[in-house]
Amino acid sequence: MWFVQEEALVTYTEAVQTCLEAKKRTTDSIMQEKLGKLALDALERAEILKKESLIFNLYVLLIN
């Protein structure tokens, strides 16, 4: 479980970076808005995964 979450976290982080880079490069305001929203969604998901990972790690420490 930990490895899958870690891999997902890396992927979401890369998605945020890619969206923000693409947003800077386009002049289409609608596309900029969509890319900004997509970046924000990926960032929020990454934050959730970080919290879940922290909770899981604390749980493992407590049961050992």
C-alpha atoms as a PDB file:
ATOM      1  CA  MET A   1       0.000   0.000   0.000  1.00  0.00           C
ATOM      2  CA  TRP A   2       2.757   2.445   0.922  1.00  0.00           C
ATOM      3  CA  PHE A   3       4.567   2.073  -2.414  1.00  0.00           C
ATOM      4  CA  VAL A   4       1.393   2.649  -4.417  1.00  0.00           C
ATOM      5  CA  GLN A   5       0.593   5.805  -2.455  1.00  0.00           C
ATOM      6  CA  GLU A   6       4.154   7.058  -2.827  1.00  0.00           C
ATOM      7  CA  GLU A   7       4.061   6.457  -6.579  1.00  0.00           C
ATOM      8  CA  ALA A   8       0.690   8.198  -6.821  1.00  0.00           C
ATOM      9  CA  LEU A   9       2.023  11.151  -4.843  1.00  0.00           C
ATOM     10  CA  VAL A  10       4.933  11.516  -7.275  1.00  0.00           C
ATOM     11  CA  THR A  11       2.553  11.286 -10.224  1.00  0.00           C
ATOM     12  CA  TYR A  12       0.199  13.941  -8.821  1.00  0.00           C
ATOM     13  CA  THR A  13       3.174  16.212  -8.105  1.00  0.00           C
ATOM     14  CA  GLU A  14       4.392  15.804 -11.676  1.00  0.00           C
ATOM     15  CA  ALA A  15       0.878  16.551 -12.934  1.00  0.00           C
ATOM     16  CA  VAL A  16       0.809  19.805 -10.964  1.00  0.00           C
ATOM     17  CA  GLN A  17       4.145  20.857 -12.428  1.00  0.00           C
ATOM     18  CA  THR A  18       3.137  19.918 -15.970  1.00  0.00           C
ATOM     19  CA  CYS A  19      -0.180  21.772 -15.750  1.00  0.00           C
ATOM     20  CA  LEU A  20       1.446  24.904 -14.360  1.00  0.00           C
ATOM     21  CA  GLU A  21       4.128  24.864 -17.069  1.00  0.00           C
ATOM     22  CA  ALA A  22       1.505  24.423 -19.781  1.00  0.00           C
ATOM     23  CA  LYS A  23      -0.608  27.187 -18.244  1.00  0.00           C
ATOM     24  CA  LYS A  24       2.340  29.599 -18.531  1.00  0.00           C
ATOM     25  CA  ARG A  25       2.929  28.695 -22.175  1.00  0.00           C
ATOM     26  CA  THR A  26      -0.579  29.081 -23.509  1.00  0.00           C
ATOM     27  CA  THR A  27      -2.295  32.350 -24.308  1.00  0.00           C
ATOM     28  CA  ASP A  28      -5.746  30.759 -24.384  1.00  0.00           C
ATOM     29  CA  SER A  29      -7.499  32.039 -21.251  1.00  0.00           C
ATOM     30  CA  ILE A  30      -9.985  29.155 -21.185  1.00  0.00           C
ATOM     31  CA  MET A  31      -7.152  26.643 -21.349  1.00  0.00           C
ATOM     32  CA  GLN A  32      -5.261  28.539 -18.633  1.00  0.00           C
ATOM     33  CA  GLU A  33      -8.314  28.301 -16.386  1.00  0.00           C
ATOM     34  CA  LYS A  34      -8.739  24.573 -17.045  1.00  0.00           C
ATOM     35  CA  LEU A  35      -5.060  23.859 -16.456  1.00  0.00           C
ATOM     36  CA  GLY A  36      -5.111  25.878 -13.241  1.00  0.00           C
ATOM     37  CA  LYS A  37      -8.117  23.902 -12.002  1.00  0.00           C
ATOM     38  CA  LEU A  38      -6.508  20.627 -12.962  1.00  0.00           C
ATOM     39  CA  ALA A  39      -3.305  21.599 -11.142  1.00  0.00           C
ATOM     40  CA  LEU A  40      -5.292  22.539  -8.047  1.00  0.00           C
ATOM     41  CA  ASP A  41      -7.221  19.257  -8.132  1.00  0.00           C
ATOM     42  CA  ALA A  42      -3.984  17.276  -8.400  1.00  0.00           C
ATOM     43  CA  LEU A  43      -2.432  19.280  -5.570  1.00  0.00           C
ATOM     44  CA  GLU A  44      -5.430  18.655  -3.328  1.00  0.00           C
ATOM     45  CA  ARG A  45      -5.279  14.929  -4.070  1.00  0.00           C
ATOM     46  CA  ALA A  46      -1.551  14.888  -3.308  1.00  0.00           C
ATOM     47  CA  GLU A  47      -2.223  16.549   0.042  1.00  0.00           C
ATOM     48  CA  ILE A  48      -4.835  13.922   0.866  1.00  0.00           C
ATOM     49  CA  LEU A  49      -2.374  11.151   0.029  1.00  0.00           C
ATOM     50  CA  LYS A  50       0.272  12.763   2.243  1.00  0.00           C
ATOM     51  CA  LYS A  51      -2.164  12.853   5.156  1.00  0.00           C
ATOM     52  CA  GLU A  52      -3.257   9.257   4.563  1.00  0.00           C
ATOM     53  CA  SER A  53       0.378   8.170   4.431  1.00  0.00           C
ATOM     54  CA  LEU A  54       1.136   9.970   7.689  1.00  0.00           C
ATOM     55  CA  ILE A  55      -1.857   8.367   9.402  1.00  0.00           C
ATOM     56  CA  PHE A  56      -0.867   4.936   8.093  1.00  0.00           C
ATOM     57  CA  ASN A  57       2.719   5.369   9.295  1.00  0.00           C
ATOM     58  CA  LEU A  58       1.527   6.467  12.753  1.00  0.00           C
ATOM     59  CA  TYR A  59      -0.794   3.470  12.922  1.00  0.00           C
ATOM     60  CA  VAL A  60       2.061   1.099  12.034  1.00  0.00           C
ATOM     61  CA  LEU A  61       4.217   2.656  14.741  1.00  0.00           C
ATOM     62  CA  LEU A  62       1.452   2.283  17.304  1.00  0.00           C
ATOM     63  CA  ILE A  63       0.743  -1.377  16.613  1.00  0.00           C
ATOM     64  CA  ASN A  64       4.409  -2.396  16.702  1.00  0.00           C
END
